[in-house]
Amino acid sequence: MEKLMCCSNKTKQRSEEEYKSLINRLNRIEGQVRGVKKMLDTDTYCTDILTQVSAIQAALNAFNRELLANHIHTCVAEDIRNGKDETIDELVLLLQKLMK
């Protein structure tokens, strides 16, 4: 089995609370996506599907906001305190990608 490649080789230990919150968001999003698939299977009207897709996009944006806030408060702040200024450049690049 081929291993998925990530953008960096870093890892992060998440608190149980952070992990549960992110997983709960992803589980809800997964359910929404399955719901849209069922809508397609049952020939649901286009505007109803588009409304649900918009809700999924909003949920993904909320997931990104939560993950980004956690990242800044933990990883970025810790690296800056430890003198790793390159983390700021990494954050700027990340924000540029997210704002496309």
C-alpha atoms as a PDB file:
ATOM      1  CA  MET A   1       0.000   0.000   0.000  1.00  0.00           C
ATOM      2  CA  GLU A   2       1.361   3.412  -0.946  1.00  0.00           C
ATOM      3  CA  LYS A   3       1.770   5.833   1.945  1.00  0.00           C
ATOM      4  CA  LEU A   4       0.059   9.215   1.598  1.00  0.00           C
ATOM      5  CA  MET A   5       2.502  12.085   1.401  1.00  0.00           C
ATOM      6  CA  CYS A   6       1.933  15.250   3.368  1.00  0.00           C
ATOM      7  CA  CYS A   7       3.399  18.694   2.871  1.00  0.00           C
ATOM      8  CA  SER A   8       5.826  18.290   5.772  1.00  0.00           C
ATOM      9  CA  ASN A   9       7.292  15.568   7.909  1.00  0.00           C
ATOM     10  CA  LYS A  10       6.187  17.273  11.126  1.00  0.00           C
ATOM     11  CA  THR A  11       3.606  15.802  13.468  1.00  0.00           C
ATOM     12  CA  LYS A  12       1.477  17.312  16.225  1.00  0.00           C
ATOM     13  CA  GLN A  13       0.120  15.828  19.414  1.00  0.00           C
ATOM     14  CA  ARG A  14      -3.437  17.128  19.805  1.00  0.00           C
ATOM     15  CA  SER A  15      -5.320  17.341  23.048  1.00  0.00           C
ATOM     16  CA  GLU A  16      -8.232  14.961  23.397  1.00  0.00           C
ATOM     17  CA  GLU A  17     -10.613  17.937  23.287  1.00  0.00           C
ATOM     18  CA  GLU A  18      -9.096  19.322  20.059  1.00  0.00           C
ATOM     19  CA  TYR A  19      -9.070  15.880  18.442  1.00  0.00           C
ATOM     20  CA  LYS A  20     -12.699  15.166  19.354  1.00  0.00           C
ATOM     21  CA  SER A  21     -13.858  18.557  18.112  1.00  0.00           C
ATOM     22  CA  LEU A  22     -12.122  18.166  14.749  1.00  0.00           C
ATOM     23  CA  ILE A  23     -13.298  14.570  14.327  1.00  0.00           C
ATOM     24  CA  ASN A  24     -16.880  15.568  15.158  1.00  0.00           C
ATOM     25  CA  ARG A  25     -16.747  18.277  12.487  1.00  0.00           C
ATOM     26  CA  LEU A  26     -15.357  15.833   9.922  1.00  0.00           C
ATOM     27  CA  ASN A  27     -17.984  13.224  10.790  1.00  0.00           C
ATOM     28  CA  ARG A  28     -20.753  15.783  10.235  1.00  0.00           C
ATOM     29  CA  ILE A  29     -19.192  16.813   6.914  1.00  0.00           C
ATOM     30  CA  GLU A  30     -18.909  13.178   5.878  1.00  0.00           C
ATOM     31  CA  GLY A  31     -22.596  12.722   6.651  1.00  0.00           C
ATOM     32  CA  GLN A  32     -23.478  15.791   4.616  1.00  0.00           C
ATOM     33  CA  VAL A  33     -21.500  14.469   1.639  1.00  0.00           C
ATOM     34  CA  ARG A  34     -23.278  11.109   1.885  1.00  0.00           C
ATOM     35  CA  GLY A  35     -26.559  13.035   1.988  1.00  0.00           C
ATOM     36  CA  VAL A  36     -25.702  14.830  -1.246  1.00  0.00           C
ATOM     37  CA  LYS A  37     -24.874  11.500  -2.882  1.00  0.00           C
ATOM     38  CA  LYS A  38     -28.295  10.188  -1.843  1.00  0.00           C
ATOM     39  CA  MET A  39     -29.870  13.343  -3.271  1.00  0.00           C
ATOM     40  CA  LEU A  40     -28.224  12.564  -6.614  1.00  0.00           C
ATOM     41  CA  ASP A  41     -29.349   8.946  -6.398  1.00  0.00           C
ATOM     42  CA  THR A  42     -32.957  10.072  -5.875  1.00  0.00           C
ATOM     43  CA  ASP A  43     -32.914  12.706  -8.622  1.00  0.00           C
ATOM     44  CA  THR A  44     -33.280  15.629  -6.211  1.00  0.00           C
ATOM     45  CA  TYR A  45     -33.716  19.035  -7.824  1.00  0.00           C
ATOM     46  CA  CYS A  46     -30.453  20.863  -8.601  1.00  0.00           C
ATOM     47  CA  THR A  47     -31.007  23.898  -6.362  1.00  0.00           C
ATOM     48  CA  ASP A  48     -31.624  21.667  -3.346  1.00  0.00           C
ATOM     49  CA  ILE A  49     -28.341  19.854  -3.982  1.00  0.00           C
ATOM     50  CA  LEU A  50     -26.479  23.121  -4.513  1.00  0.00           C
ATOM     51  CA  THR A  51     -27.830  24.400  -1.196  1.00  0.00           C
ATOM     52  CA  GLN A  52     -26.461  21.324   0.556  1.00  0.00           C
ATOM     53  CA  VAL A  53     -23.085  21.644  -1.205  1.00  0.00           C
ATOM     54  CA  SER A  54     -22.926  25.232   0.009  1.00  0.00           C
ATOM     55  CA  ALA A  55     -23.530  23.983   3.554  1.00  0.00           C
ATOM     56  CA  ILE A  56     -20.685  21.479   3.131  1.00  0.00           C
ATOM     57  CA  GLN A  57     -18.361  24.246   1.958  1.00  0.00           C
ATOM     58  CA  ALA A  58     -19.306  26.339   4.998  1.00  0.00           C
ATOM     59  CA  ALA A  59     -18.640  23.348   7.266  1.00  0.00           C
ATOM     60  CA  LEU A  60     -15.217  22.784   5.660  1.00  0.00           C
ATOM     61  CA  ASN A  61     -14.418  26.473   6.124  1.00  0.00           C
ATOM     62  CA  ALA A  62     -15.359  26.201   9.804  1.00  0.00           C
ATOM     63  CA  PHE A  63     -13.115  23.122  10.131  1.00  0.00           C
ATOM     64  CA  ASN A  64     -10.238  25.059   8.512  1.00  0.00           C
ATOM     65  CA  ARG A  65     -10.768  28.046  10.818  1.00  0.00           C
ATOM     66  CA  GLU A  66     -10.695  25.860  13.916  1.00  0.00           C
ATOM     67  CA  LEU A  67      -7.630  23.910  12.768  1.00  0.00           C
ATOM     68  CA  LEU A  68      -5.804  27.092  11.740  1.00  0.00           C
ATOM     69  CA  ALA A  69      -6.547  28.800  15.057  1.00  0.00           C
ATOM     70  CA  ASN A  70      -5.277  25.747  16.940  1.00  0.00           C
ATOM     71  CA  HIS A  71      -2.182  25.669  14.738  1.00  0.00           C
ATOM     72  CA  ILE A  72      -1.374  29.328  15.378  1.00  0.00           C
ATOM     73  CA  HIS A  73      -1.973  29.073  19.135  1.00  0.00           C
ATOM     74  CA  THR A  74       0.187  25.971  19.505  1.00  0.00           C
ATOM     75  CA  CYS A  75       2.683  25.125  16.753  1.00  0.00           C
ATOM     76  CA  VAL A  76       3.325  28.632  15.426  1.00  0.00           C
ATOM     77  CA  ALA A  77       3.481  30.279  18.848  1.00  0.00           C
ATOM     78  CA  GLU A  78       5.837  27.599  20.178  1.00  0.00           C
ATOM     79  CA  ASP A  79       8.151  27.849  17.163  1.00  0.00           C
ATOM     80  CA  ILE A  80       8.308  31.637  17.437  1.00  0.00           C
ATOM     81  CA  ARG A  81       9.108  31.390  21.163  1.00  0.00           C
ATOM     82  CA  ASN A  82      11.890  28.959  20.218  1.00  0.00           C
ATOM     83  CA  GLY A  83      13.327  31.395  17.663  1.00  0.00           C
ATOM     84  CA  LYS A  84      12.166  29.516  14.571  1.00  0.00           C
ATOM     85  CA  ASP A  85      11.248  32.544  12.493  1.00  0.00           C
ATOM     86  CA  GLU A  86      10.894  30.420   9.343  1.00  0.00           C
ATOM     87  CA  THR A  87       7.553  29.333  10.788  1.00  0.00           C
ATOM     88  CA  ILE A  88       6.199  32.796   9.994  1.00  0.00           C
ATOM     89  CA  ASP A  89       7.082  32.301   6.318  1.00  0.00           C
ATOM     90  CA  GLU A  90       5.424  28.873   6.443  1.00  0.00           C
ATOM     91  CA  LEU A  91       2.276  30.438   7.935  1.00  0.00           C
ATOM     92  CA  VAL A  92       2.200  33.170   5.280  1.00  0.00           C
ATOM     93  CA  LEU A  93       2.463  30.555   2.510  1.00  0.00           C
ATOM     94  CA  LEU A  94      -0.297  28.517   4.135  1.00  0.00           C
ATOM     95  CA  LEU A  95      -2.582  31.538   4.344  1.00  0.00           C
ATOM     96  CA  GLN A  96      -1.919  32.329   0.694  1.00  0.00           C
ATOM     97  CA  LYS A  97      -2.933  28.766  -0.271  1.00  0.00           C
ATOM     98  CA  LEU A  98      -6.083  28.939   1.852  1.00  0.00           C
ATOM     99  CA  MET A  99      -7.113  32.259   0.308  1.00  0.00           C
ATOM    100  CA  LYS A 100      -7.028  31.058  -3.307  1.00  0.00           C
END
